[in-house]
């Protein structure tokens, strides 16, 4: 058992040195004409629809929990917490989405 453990450990410890021994080639050129503003806009354009879909699904699940609670105080409390955290998530997402615009307007020229 110890010989197998030592062999596997030796292989795993030398693996980074073996991988780094090869020349990966030149660093690829960055995308021409892509500024920080464009990159931030691109990231938010991808993430915003995903976040909105997540919020809609979250509130639909919370509504389903309210409907299926049948007056049980524990299930109603769970559904209220679901709605509360959904609202907190929406507020945090809106704040995160507005921060780049606030910085751009404050600095004038952009980030």
C-alpha atoms as a PDB file:
ATOM      1  CA  UNK A   1       0.000   0.000   0.000  1.00  0.00           C
ATOM      2  CA  UNK A   2       2.774   2.430   0.901  1.00  0.00           C
ATOM      3  CA  UNK A   3       4.641   1.789  -2.357  1.00  0.00           C
ATOM      4  CA  UNK A   4       1.537   2.620  -4.367  1.00  0.00           C
ATOM      5  CA  UNK A   5       0.961   5.782  -2.342  1.00  0.00           C
ATOM      6  CA  UNK A   6       4.570   6.891  -2.793  1.00  0.00           C
ATOM      7  CA  UNK A   7       4.445   6.192  -6.530  1.00  0.00           C
ATOM      8  CA  UNK A   8       1.203   8.108  -7.030  1.00  0.00           C
ATOM      9  CA  UNK A   9       2.474  10.993  -4.883  1.00  0.00           C
ATOM     10  CA  UNK A  10       5.725  11.174  -6.855  1.00  0.00           C
ATOM     11  CA  UNK A  11       3.846  11.249 -10.152  1.00  0.00           C
ATOM     12  CA  UNK A  12       1.433  13.931  -8.957  1.00  0.00           C
ATOM     13  CA  UNK A  13       4.239  16.068  -7.549  1.00  0.00           C
ATOM     14  CA  UNK A  14       6.311  15.940 -10.730  1.00  0.00           C
ATOM     15  CA  UNK A  15       3.375  16.528 -13.066  1.00  0.00           C
ATOM     16  CA  UNK A  16       3.478  20.367 -12.828  1.00  0.00           C
ATOM     17  CA  UNK A  17       7.206  20.387 -13.588  1.00  0.00           C
ATOM     18  CA  UNK A  18       6.672  18.143 -16.604  1.00  0.00           C
ATOM     19  CA  UNK A  19       3.838  20.311 -17.903  1.00  0.00           C
ATOM     20  CA  UNK A  20       5.742  23.568 -17.399  1.00  0.00           C
ATOM     21  CA  UNK A  21       8.800  22.172 -19.167  1.00  0.00           C
ATOM     22  CA  UNK A  22       7.139  22.584 -22.568  1.00  0.00           C
ATOM     23  CA  UNK A  23       7.093  25.919 -24.349  1.00  0.00           C
ATOM     24  CA  UNK A  24       3.462  26.845 -24.915  1.00  0.00           C
ATOM     25  CA  UNK A  25       4.344  29.275 -27.675  1.00  0.00           C
ATOM     26  CA  UNK A  26       3.718  32.992 -27.998  1.00  0.00           C
ATOM     27  CA  UNK A  27       1.040  34.748 -25.983  1.00  0.00           C
ATOM     28  CA  UNK A  28      -2.061  35.178 -28.137  1.00  0.00           C
ATOM     29  CA  UNK A  29      -2.991  38.673 -29.199  1.00  0.00           C
ATOM     30  CA  UNK A  30      -5.819  40.253 -27.247  1.00  0.00           C
ATOM     31  CA  UNK A  31      -9.003  41.052 -29.091  1.00  0.00           C
ATOM     32  CA  UNK A  32      -8.333  44.200 -31.122  1.00  0.00           C
ATOM     33  CA  UNK A  33     -10.545  47.126 -30.286  1.00  0.00           C
ATOM     34  CA  UNK A  34     -11.982  45.610 -27.091  1.00  0.00           C
ATOM     35  CA  UNK A  35     -11.908  48.159 -24.305  1.00  0.00           C
ATOM     36  CA  UNK A  36     -12.791  47.748 -20.657  1.00  0.00           C
ATOM     37  CA  UNK A  37     -16.134  49.477 -21.269  1.00  0.00           C
ATOM     38  CA  UNK A  38     -16.983  47.051 -24.051  1.00  0.00           C
ATOM     39  CA  UNK A  39     -15.967  44.090 -21.904  1.00  0.00           C
ATOM     40  CA  UNK A  40     -18.125  45.220 -18.961  1.00  0.00           C
ATOM     41  CA  UNK A  41     -21.069  45.813 -21.300  1.00  0.00           C
ATOM     42  CA  UNK A  42     -20.585  42.374 -22.842  1.00  0.00           C
ATOM     43  CA  UNK A  43     -20.479  40.631 -19.455  1.00  0.00           C
ATOM     44  CA  UNK A  44     -23.627  42.395 -18.268  1.00  0.00           C
ATOM     45  CA  UNK A  45     -25.385  41.708 -21.555  1.00  0.00           C
ATOM     46  CA  UNK A  46     -24.777  38.002 -20.990  1.00  0.00           C
ATOM     47  CA  UNK A  47     -25.469  37.860 -17.253  1.00  0.00           C
ATOM     48  CA  UNK A  48     -28.511  40.146 -17.015  1.00  0.00           C
ATOM     49  CA  UNK A  49     -30.991  37.887 -18.892  1.00  0.00           C
ATOM     50  CA  UNK A  50     -29.767  34.903 -16.883  1.00  0.00           C
ATOM     51  CA  UNK A  51     -30.319  36.821 -13.636  1.00  0.00           C
ATOM     52  CA  UNK A  52     -33.807  37.951 -14.676  1.00  0.00           C
ATOM     53  CA  UNK A  53     -34.784  34.391 -15.572  1.00  0.00           C
ATOM     54  CA  UNK A  54     -33.462  33.208 -12.199  1.00  0.00           C
ATOM     55  CA  UNK A  55     -35.515  35.857 -10.368  1.00  0.00           C
ATOM     56  CA  UNK A  56     -38.682  34.918 -12.222  1.00  0.00           C
ATOM     57  CA  UNK A  57     -38.187  31.231 -11.440  1.00  0.00           C
ATOM     58  CA  UNK A  58     -37.459  32.049  -7.804  1.00  0.00           C
ATOM     59  CA  UNK A  59     -40.662  34.044  -7.381  1.00  0.00           C
ATOM     60  CA  UNK A  60     -42.732  31.378  -9.149  1.00  0.00           C
ATOM     61  CA  UNK A  61     -41.363  28.777  -6.729  1.00  0.00           C
ATOM     62  CA  UNK A  62     -42.152  31.081  -3.796  1.00  0.00           C
ATOM     63  CA  UNK A  63     -45.710  31.516  -5.074  1.00  0.00           C
ATOM     64  CA  UNK A  64     -46.038  27.746  -5.410  1.00  0.00           C
ATOM     65  CA  UNK A  65     -44.864  27.377  -1.815  1.00  0.00           C
ATOM     66  CA  UNK A  66     -47.500  29.876  -0.671  1.00  0.00           C
ATOM     67  CA  UNK A  67     -50.219  27.978  -2.511  1.00  0.00           C
ATOM     68  CA  UNK A  68     -49.167  24.609  -1.132  1.00  0.00           C
ATOM     69  CA  UNK A  69     -48.685  25.849   2.454  1.00  0.00           C
ATOM     70  CA  UNK A  70     -52.385  25.203   3.257  1.00  0.00           C
ATOM     71  CA  UNK A  71     -52.200  27.392   6.344  1.00  0.00           C
ATOM     72  CA  UNK A  72     -49.201  25.633   7.874  1.00  0.00           C
ATOM     73  CA  UNK A  73     -47.273  28.439   9.637  1.00  0.00           C
ATOM     74  CA  UNK A  74     -43.901  26.769   9.079  1.00  0.00           C
ATOM     75  CA  UNK A  75     -44.432  26.462   5.308  1.00  0.00           C
ATOM     76  CA  UNK A  76     -45.738  30.048   5.106  1.00  0.00           C
ATOM     77  CA  UNK A  77     -42.628  31.236   6.964  1.00  0.00           C
ATOM     78  CA  UNK A  78     -40.442  29.306   4.508  1.00  0.00           C
ATOM     79  CA  UNK A  79     -42.262  30.878   1.556  1.00  0.00           C
ATOM     80  CA  UNK A  80     -41.869  34.358   3.065  1.00  0.00           C
ATOM     81  CA  UNK A  81     -38.158  33.771   3.494  1.00  0.00           C
ATOM     82  CA  UNK A  82     -37.988  32.655  -0.131  1.00  0.00           C
ATOM     83  CA  UNK A  83     -39.641  35.905  -1.239  1.00  0.00           C
ATOM     84  CA  UNK A  84     -37.440  37.966   1.085  1.00  0.00           C
ATOM     85  CA  UNK A  85     -34.227  36.471  -0.284  1.00  0.00           C
ATOM     86  CA  UNK A  86     -35.570  36.839  -3.803  1.00  0.00           C
ATOM     87  CA  UNK A  87     -36.089  40.557  -3.234  1.00  0.00           C
ATOM     88  CA  UNK A  88     -32.622  40.856  -1.694  1.00  0.00           C
ATOM     89  CA  UNK A  89     -31.177  39.144  -4.767  1.00  0.00           C
ATOM     90  CA  UNK A  90     -33.005  41.528  -7.102  1.00  0.00           C
ATOM     91  CA  UNK A  91     -31.752  44.561  -5.166  1.00  0.00           C
ATOM     92  CA  UNK A  92     -28.168  43.296  -5.150  1.00  0.00           C
ATOM     93  CA  UNK A  93     -28.336  42.545  -8.881  1.00  0.00           C
ATOM     94  CA  UNK A  94     -29.723  46.001  -9.644  1.00  0.00           C
ATOM     95  CA  UNK A  95     -26.985  47.623  -7.584  1.00  0.00           C
ATOM     96  CA  UNK A  96     -24.309  45.529  -9.282  1.00  0.00           C
ATOM     97  CA  UNK A  97     -25.755  46.380 -12.679  1.00  0.00           C
ATOM     98  CA  UNK A  98     -25.796  50.122 -11.905  1.00  0.00           C
ATOM     99  CA  UNK A  99     -22.260  50.406 -10.483  1.00  0.00           C
ATOM    100  CA  UNK A 100     -20.454  50.596 -13.874  1.00  0.00           C
ATOM    101  CA  UNK A 101     -22.865  53.265 -15.077  1.00  0.00           C
ATOM    102  CA  UNK A 102     -22.397  55.295 -11.894  1.00  0.00           C
ATOM    103  CA  UNK A 103     -18.620  55.068 -12.244  1.00  0.00           C
ATOM    104  CA  UNK A 104     -18.774  56.078 -15.922  1.00  0.00           C
ATOM    105  CA  UNK A 105     -20.942  59.096 -15.139  1.00  0.00           C
ATOM    106  CA  UNK A 106     -18.783  60.097 -12.180  1.00  0.00           C
ATOM    107  CA  UNK A 107     -15.487  59.850 -14.048  1.00  0.00           C
ATOM    108  CA  UNK A 108     -16.869  61.330 -17.230  1.00  0.00           C
ATOM    109  CA  UNK A 109     -14.622  59.541 -19.696  1.00  0.00           C
ATOM    110  CA  UNK A 110     -15.427  56.064 -18.477  1.00  0.00           C
ATOM    111  CA  UNK A 111     -13.516  53.263 -16.866  1.00  0.00           C
END
